[in-house]
N, C-alpha and C. Protein backbone atom coordinates (compact mmCIF):
# COMPACT_ATOMS: atom_id res chain seq x y z
N UNK A 1 128.23 74.84 147.38
CA UNK A 1 129.32 74.19 146.68
C UNK A 1 129.78 73.01 147.54
N UNK A 2 129.91 71.84 146.92
CA UNK A 2 130.40 70.68 147.67
C UNK A 2 131.93 70.63 147.64
N UNK A 3 132.49 69.64 148.31
CA UNK A 3 133.95 69.54 148.43
C UNK A 3 134.61 69.46 147.06
N UNK A 4 134.10 68.60 146.19
CA UNK A 4 134.69 68.47 144.86
C UNK A 4 134.65 69.81 144.12
N UNK A 5 133.53 70.50 144.17
CA UNK A 5 133.39 71.78 143.47
C UNK A 5 134.36 72.82 144.02
N UNK A 6 134.57 72.82 145.33
CA UNK A 6 135.51 73.78 145.92
C UNK A 6 136.94 73.49 145.43
N UNK A 7 137.30 72.22 145.40
CA UNK A 7 138.64 71.85 144.93
C UNK A 7 138.78 72.19 143.45
N UNK A 8 137.75 71.90 142.68
CA UNK A 8 137.77 72.22 141.25
C UNK A 8 137.91 73.73 141.04
N UNK A 9 137.19 74.50 141.83
CA UNK A 9 137.28 75.96 141.75
C UNK A 9 138.71 76.44 142.05
N UNK A 10 139.30 75.92 143.12
CA UNK A 10 140.67 76.31 143.49
C UNK A 10 141.66 75.91 142.40
N UNK A 11 141.50 74.71 141.86
CA UNK A 11 142.39 74.24 140.80
C UNK A 11 142.25 75.11 139.56
N UNK A 12 141.01 75.42 139.18
CA UNK A 12 140.78 76.27 138.01
C UNK A 12 141.44 77.63 138.17
N UNK A 13 141.40 78.17 139.38
CA UNK A 13 142.03 79.47 139.62
C UNK A 13 143.54 79.42 139.45
N UNK A 14 144.10 78.23 139.59
CA UNK A 14 145.55 78.07 139.37
C UNK A 14 145.83 77.57 137.96
N UNK A 15 144.78 77.48 137.14
CA UNK A 15 144.96 77.02 135.76
C UNK A 15 145.25 75.54 135.65
N UNK A 16 144.75 74.76 136.60
CA UNK A 16 145.01 73.32 136.64
C UNK A 16 143.72 72.53 136.49
N UNK A 17 143.85 71.37 135.91
CA UNK A 17 142.73 70.43 135.91
C UNK A 17 142.83 69.58 137.18
N UNK A 18 141.77 68.84 137.46
CA UNK A 18 141.79 67.93 138.61
C UNK A 18 142.88 66.88 138.41
N UNK A 19 143.00 66.36 137.19
CA UNK A 19 144.03 65.35 136.91
C UNK A 19 145.43 65.90 137.16
N UNK A 20 145.68 67.13 136.74
CA UNK A 20 146.99 67.76 136.97
C UNK A 20 147.24 67.94 138.46
N UNK A 21 146.21 68.32 139.19
CA UNK A 21 146.34 68.50 140.63
C UNK A 21 146.68 67.17 141.30
N UNK A 22 146.00 66.11 140.90
CA UNK A 22 146.28 64.78 141.47
C UNK A 22 147.72 64.37 141.21
N UNK A 23 148.19 64.60 139.99
CA UNK A 23 149.59 64.25 139.67
C UNK A 23 150.56 65.08 140.49
N UNK A 24 150.31 66.38 140.56
CA UNK A 24 151.22 67.28 141.30
C UNK A 24 151.32 66.89 142.77
N UNK A 25 150.19 66.50 143.35
CA UNK A 25 150.16 66.18 144.78
C UNK A 25 150.38 64.69 145.06
N UNK A 26 150.63 63.94 143.99
CA UNK A 26 150.88 62.49 144.09
C UNK A 26 149.70 61.76 144.73
N UNK A 27 148.48 62.17 144.32
CA UNK A 27 147.27 61.47 144.73
C UNK A 27 146.91 60.48 143.63
N UNK A 28 146.24 59.41 143.98
CA UNK A 28 145.93 58.40 142.96
C UNK A 28 145.00 58.98 141.90
N UNK A 29 145.16 58.48 140.69
CA UNK A 29 144.39 58.93 139.54
C UNK A 29 142.89 58.74 139.79
N UNK A 30 142.12 59.82 139.68
CA UNK A 30 140.68 59.74 139.86
C UNK A 30 140.21 59.84 141.29
N UNK A 31 141.14 59.96 142.23
CA UNK A 31 140.73 59.97 143.65
C UNK A 31 139.86 61.18 143.99
N UNK A 32 140.20 62.34 143.47
CA UNK A 32 139.42 63.54 143.78
C UNK A 32 138.04 63.45 143.13
N UNK A 33 137.97 62.96 141.90
CA UNK A 33 136.67 62.82 141.22
C UNK A 33 135.74 61.88 141.98
N UNK A 34 136.30 60.87 142.62
CA UNK A 34 135.47 59.94 143.40
C UNK A 34 134.79 60.64 144.58
N UNK A 35 135.33 61.78 144.99
CA UNK A 35 134.76 62.50 146.12
C UNK A 35 133.42 63.15 145.77
N UNK A 36 133.04 63.10 144.50
CA UNK A 36 131.71 63.59 144.13
C UNK A 36 130.63 62.72 144.77
N UNK A 37 130.95 61.42 144.93
CA UNK A 37 129.95 60.46 145.42
C UNK A 37 130.30 59.83 146.76
N UNK A 38 131.55 59.93 147.18
CA UNK A 38 131.94 59.30 148.44
C UNK A 38 132.73 60.29 149.29
N UNK A 39 132.90 59.94 150.54
CA UNK A 39 133.61 60.81 151.48
C UNK A 39 135.10 60.88 151.13
N UNK A 40 135.66 62.07 151.15
CA UNK A 40 137.10 62.21 150.87
C UNK A 40 137.93 61.68 152.03
N UNK A 41 139.15 61.29 151.71
CA UNK A 41 140.06 60.83 152.76
C UNK A 41 140.62 62.04 153.51
N UNK A 42 140.86 61.86 154.79
CA UNK A 42 141.42 62.97 155.57
C UNK A 42 142.82 63.32 155.08
N UNK A 43 143.58 62.31 154.68
CA UNK A 43 144.94 62.54 154.16
C UNK A 43 144.88 63.40 152.90
N UNK A 44 144.01 63.03 151.98
CA UNK A 44 143.87 63.78 150.73
C UNK A 44 143.42 65.21 150.97
N UNK A 45 142.44 65.37 151.85
CA UNK A 45 141.96 66.72 152.16
C UNK A 45 143.06 67.58 152.76
N UNK A 46 143.85 66.99 153.64
CA UNK A 46 144.93 67.74 154.29
C UNK A 46 145.98 68.17 153.26
N UNK A 47 146.33 67.27 152.37
CA UNK A 47 147.32 67.58 151.32
C UNK A 47 146.81 68.73 150.45
N UNK A 48 145.55 68.65 150.04
CA UNK A 48 144.98 69.68 149.17
C UNK A 48 144.85 71.01 149.91
N UNK A 49 144.39 70.96 151.15
CA UNK A 49 144.25 72.19 151.94
C UNK A 49 145.61 72.87 152.10
N UNK A 50 146.64 72.09 152.39
CA UNK A 50 147.99 72.66 152.52
C UNK A 50 148.46 73.27 151.20
N UNK A 51 148.21 72.58 150.11
CA UNK A 51 148.66 73.06 148.79
C UNK A 51 148.02 74.41 148.46
N UNK A 52 146.71 74.52 148.69
CA UNK A 52 146.00 75.75 148.36
C UNK A 52 146.00 76.77 149.50
N UNK A 53 146.61 76.42 150.62
CA UNK A 53 146.69 77.30 151.79
C UNK A 53 145.29 77.71 152.26
N UNK A 54 144.43 76.70 152.38
CA UNK A 54 143.08 76.88 152.91
C UNK A 54 142.88 75.88 154.04
N UNK A 55 141.80 76.02 154.77
CA UNK A 55 141.52 75.06 155.84
C UNK A 55 140.76 73.85 155.29
N UNK A 56 140.88 72.74 155.98
CA UNK A 56 140.10 71.55 155.63
C UNK A 56 138.61 71.87 155.79
N UNK A 57 138.27 72.64 156.81
CA UNK A 57 136.87 73.04 157.01
C UNK A 57 136.34 73.81 155.80
N UNK A 58 137.17 74.64 155.19
CA UNK A 58 136.74 75.35 153.98
C UNK A 58 136.43 74.34 152.87
N UNK A 59 137.32 73.38 152.67
CA UNK A 59 137.10 72.38 151.63
C UNK A 59 135.82 71.59 151.87
N UNK A 60 135.52 71.33 153.14
CA UNK A 60 134.33 70.55 153.49
C UNK A 60 133.05 71.40 153.49
N UNK A 61 133.20 72.70 153.31
CA UNK A 61 132.03 73.57 153.27
C UNK A 61 131.56 74.03 154.63
N UNK A 62 132.37 73.79 155.65
CA UNK A 62 131.97 74.22 157.00
C UNK A 62 132.38 75.66 157.28
N UNK A 63 133.21 76.22 156.42
CA UNK A 63 133.61 77.63 156.50
C UNK A 63 133.38 78.23 155.12
N UNK A 64 132.81 79.41 155.08
CA UNK A 64 132.60 80.08 153.79
C UNK A 64 133.86 80.79 153.32
N UNK A 65 134.68 81.22 154.27
CA UNK A 65 135.92 81.92 153.94
C UNK A 65 137.06 80.91 153.85
N UNK A 66 137.97 81.16 152.94
CA UNK A 66 139.11 80.26 152.77
C UNK A 66 140.10 80.35 153.92
N UNK A 67 140.22 81.53 154.51
CA UNK A 67 141.26 81.78 155.49
C UNK A 67 140.64 81.94 156.88
N UNK A 68 141.47 81.82 157.87
CA UNK A 68 140.99 81.92 159.25
C UNK A 68 140.47 83.31 159.55
N UNK A 69 139.63 83.40 160.57
CA UNK A 69 139.07 84.68 160.98
C UNK A 69 140.13 85.69 161.35
N UNK A 70 141.23 85.20 161.93
CA UNK A 70 142.32 86.09 162.32
C UNK A 70 142.89 86.80 161.11
N UNK A 71 143.16 86.05 160.04
CA UNK A 71 143.69 86.67 158.83
C UNK A 71 142.69 87.64 158.23
N UNK A 72 141.41 87.26 158.26
CA UNK A 72 140.38 88.12 157.70
C UNK A 72 140.31 89.43 158.47
N UNK A 73 140.29 89.38 159.79
CA UNK A 73 140.19 90.61 160.57
C UNK A 73 141.44 91.46 160.40
N UNK A 74 142.60 90.83 160.24
CA UNK A 74 143.83 91.58 159.99
C UNK A 74 143.70 92.37 158.70
N UNK A 75 143.14 91.75 157.67
CA UNK A 75 142.98 92.42 156.38
C UNK A 75 142.07 93.63 156.51
N UNK A 76 140.98 93.48 157.25
CA UNK A 76 140.05 94.60 157.43
C UNK A 76 140.75 95.74 158.14
N UNK A 77 141.50 95.42 159.18
CA UNK A 77 142.22 96.45 159.93
C UNK A 77 143.25 97.13 159.05
N UNK A 78 144.00 96.34 158.30
CA UNK A 78 145.04 96.91 157.46
C UNK A 78 144.48 97.82 156.39
N UNK A 79 143.34 97.44 155.82
CA UNK A 79 142.78 98.25 154.76
C UNK A 79 142.01 99.46 155.26
N UNK A 80 141.79 99.52 156.56
CA UNK A 80 141.14 100.72 157.10
C UNK A 80 142.14 101.87 157.15
N UNK A 81 143.43 101.54 156.99
CA UNK A 81 144.47 102.56 157.02
C UNK A 81 145.49 102.21 155.94
N UNK A 82 145.38 102.86 154.80
CA UNK A 82 146.22 102.55 153.64
C UNK A 82 147.72 102.67 153.96
N UNK A 83 148.07 103.65 154.74
CA UNK A 83 149.49 103.86 155.06
C UNK A 83 150.07 102.65 155.81
N UNK A 84 149.27 102.08 156.72
CA UNK A 84 149.72 100.91 157.47
C UNK A 84 149.94 99.72 156.54
N UNK A 85 149.08 99.58 155.55
CA UNK A 85 149.22 98.49 154.59
C UNK A 85 150.58 98.58 153.89
N UNK A 86 150.96 99.77 153.45
CA UNK A 86 152.21 99.94 152.72
C UNK A 86 153.45 99.80 153.61
N UNK A 87 153.25 99.81 154.92
CA UNK A 87 154.37 99.57 155.85
C UNK A 87 154.65 98.08 156.02
N UNK A 88 153.71 97.25 155.60
CA UNK A 88 153.88 95.80 155.74
C UNK A 88 154.95 95.29 154.79
N UNK A 89 155.58 94.16 155.13
CA UNK A 89 156.53 93.55 154.20
C UNK A 89 155.82 93.19 152.89
N UNK A 90 156.56 93.24 151.80
CA UNK A 90 156.00 92.96 150.47
C UNK A 90 155.28 91.61 150.43
N UNK A 91 155.85 90.61 151.08
CA UNK A 91 155.25 89.28 151.06
C UNK A 91 153.85 89.29 151.71
N UNK A 92 153.70 90.02 152.79
CA UNK A 92 152.41 90.14 153.47
C UNK A 92 151.42 90.92 152.61
N UNK A 93 151.89 91.97 151.95
CA UNK A 93 151.03 92.73 151.04
C UNK A 93 150.52 91.81 149.92
N UNK A 94 151.43 91.00 149.38
CA UNK A 94 151.04 90.08 148.31
C UNK A 94 150.02 89.06 148.80
N UNK A 95 150.20 88.55 150.02
CA UNK A 95 149.25 87.58 150.57
C UNK A 95 147.86 88.19 150.68
N UNK A 96 147.81 89.41 151.16
CA UNK A 96 146.51 90.08 151.32
C UNK A 96 145.88 90.34 149.96
N UNK A 97 146.67 90.83 149.02
CA UNK A 97 146.13 91.10 147.68
C UNK A 97 145.67 89.82 147.00
N UNK A 98 146.43 88.73 147.17
CA UNK A 98 146.01 87.45 146.60
C UNK A 98 144.70 86.98 147.22
N UNK A 99 144.57 87.18 148.51
CA UNK A 99 143.33 86.81 149.20
C UNK A 99 142.15 87.59 148.63
N UNK A 100 142.34 88.87 148.41
CA UNK A 100 141.27 89.69 147.83
C UNK A 100 140.93 89.23 146.42
N UNK A 101 141.95 88.90 145.63
CA UNK A 101 141.70 88.40 144.27
C UNK A 101 140.92 87.09 144.31
N UNK A 102 141.32 86.20 145.22
CA UNK A 102 140.62 84.92 145.36
C UNK A 102 139.16 85.14 145.75
N UNK A 103 138.93 86.05 146.67
CA UNK A 103 137.56 86.32 147.10
C UNK A 103 136.74 86.90 145.95
N UNK A 104 137.34 87.81 145.19
CA UNK A 104 136.64 88.39 144.04
C UNK A 104 136.34 87.31 143.00
N UNK A 105 137.32 86.44 142.72
CA UNK A 105 137.11 85.34 141.76
C UNK A 105 135.99 84.43 142.22
N UNK A 106 135.95 84.14 143.51
CA UNK A 106 134.90 83.28 144.05
C UNK A 106 133.53 83.92 143.88
N UNK A 107 133.43 85.21 144.18
CA UNK A 107 132.15 85.90 144.03
C UNK A 107 131.69 85.95 142.57
N UNK A 108 132.63 86.14 141.66
CA UNK A 108 132.29 86.13 140.23
C UNK A 108 131.82 84.74 139.82
N UNK A 109 132.53 83.72 140.29
CA UNK A 109 132.15 82.33 139.99
C UNK A 109 130.74 82.05 140.51
N UNK A 110 130.46 82.46 141.75
CA UNK A 110 129.14 82.25 142.34
C UNK A 110 128.06 82.98 141.55
N UNK A 111 128.35 84.21 141.16
CA UNK A 111 127.39 85.00 140.39
C UNK A 111 127.10 84.32 139.06
N UNK A 112 128.14 83.90 138.36
CA UNK A 112 127.96 83.25 137.06
C UNK A 112 127.21 81.93 137.19
N UNK A 113 127.47 81.19 138.26
CA UNK A 113 126.78 79.92 138.48
C UNK A 113 125.29 80.16 138.69
N UNK A 114 124.95 81.16 139.49
CA UNK A 114 123.54 81.49 139.73
C UNK A 114 122.88 81.99 138.46
N UNK A 115 123.62 82.81 137.70
CA UNK A 115 123.09 83.38 136.46
C UNK A 115 122.80 82.27 135.45
N UNK A 116 123.68 81.27 135.37
CA UNK A 116 123.50 80.17 134.43
C UNK A 116 122.31 79.29 134.78
N UNK A 117 121.93 79.24 136.06
CA UNK A 117 120.81 78.41 136.49
C UNK A 117 119.47 79.03 136.11
N UNK A 118 119.45 80.34 135.89
CA UNK A 118 118.18 81.03 135.57
C UNK A 118 117.76 80.83 134.15
């Protein structure tokens, strides 16, 4: 998946089009679409990464996971003990559950993309 496709995937998961995302983040009209053929601006990437709470490296395809390794390992540890998970603040529980939903959505998207190519 290239940078544009990753951004499109994240926007779709939020029920947004690329145009809506550009307007919401006050990026120039068509700027994200231009990234299909040219290098994205660091400013634009940073704004988008912050909005979706992902790393710039994830958007650039240098990381397969959206979140840092620290967050990922925390999730594994927390889920190895269900009782510990329920001791976490509700906001942290929601963050972890949202991360799992995002990962599941991404895997489904990847599966469907591969299936459509066959």
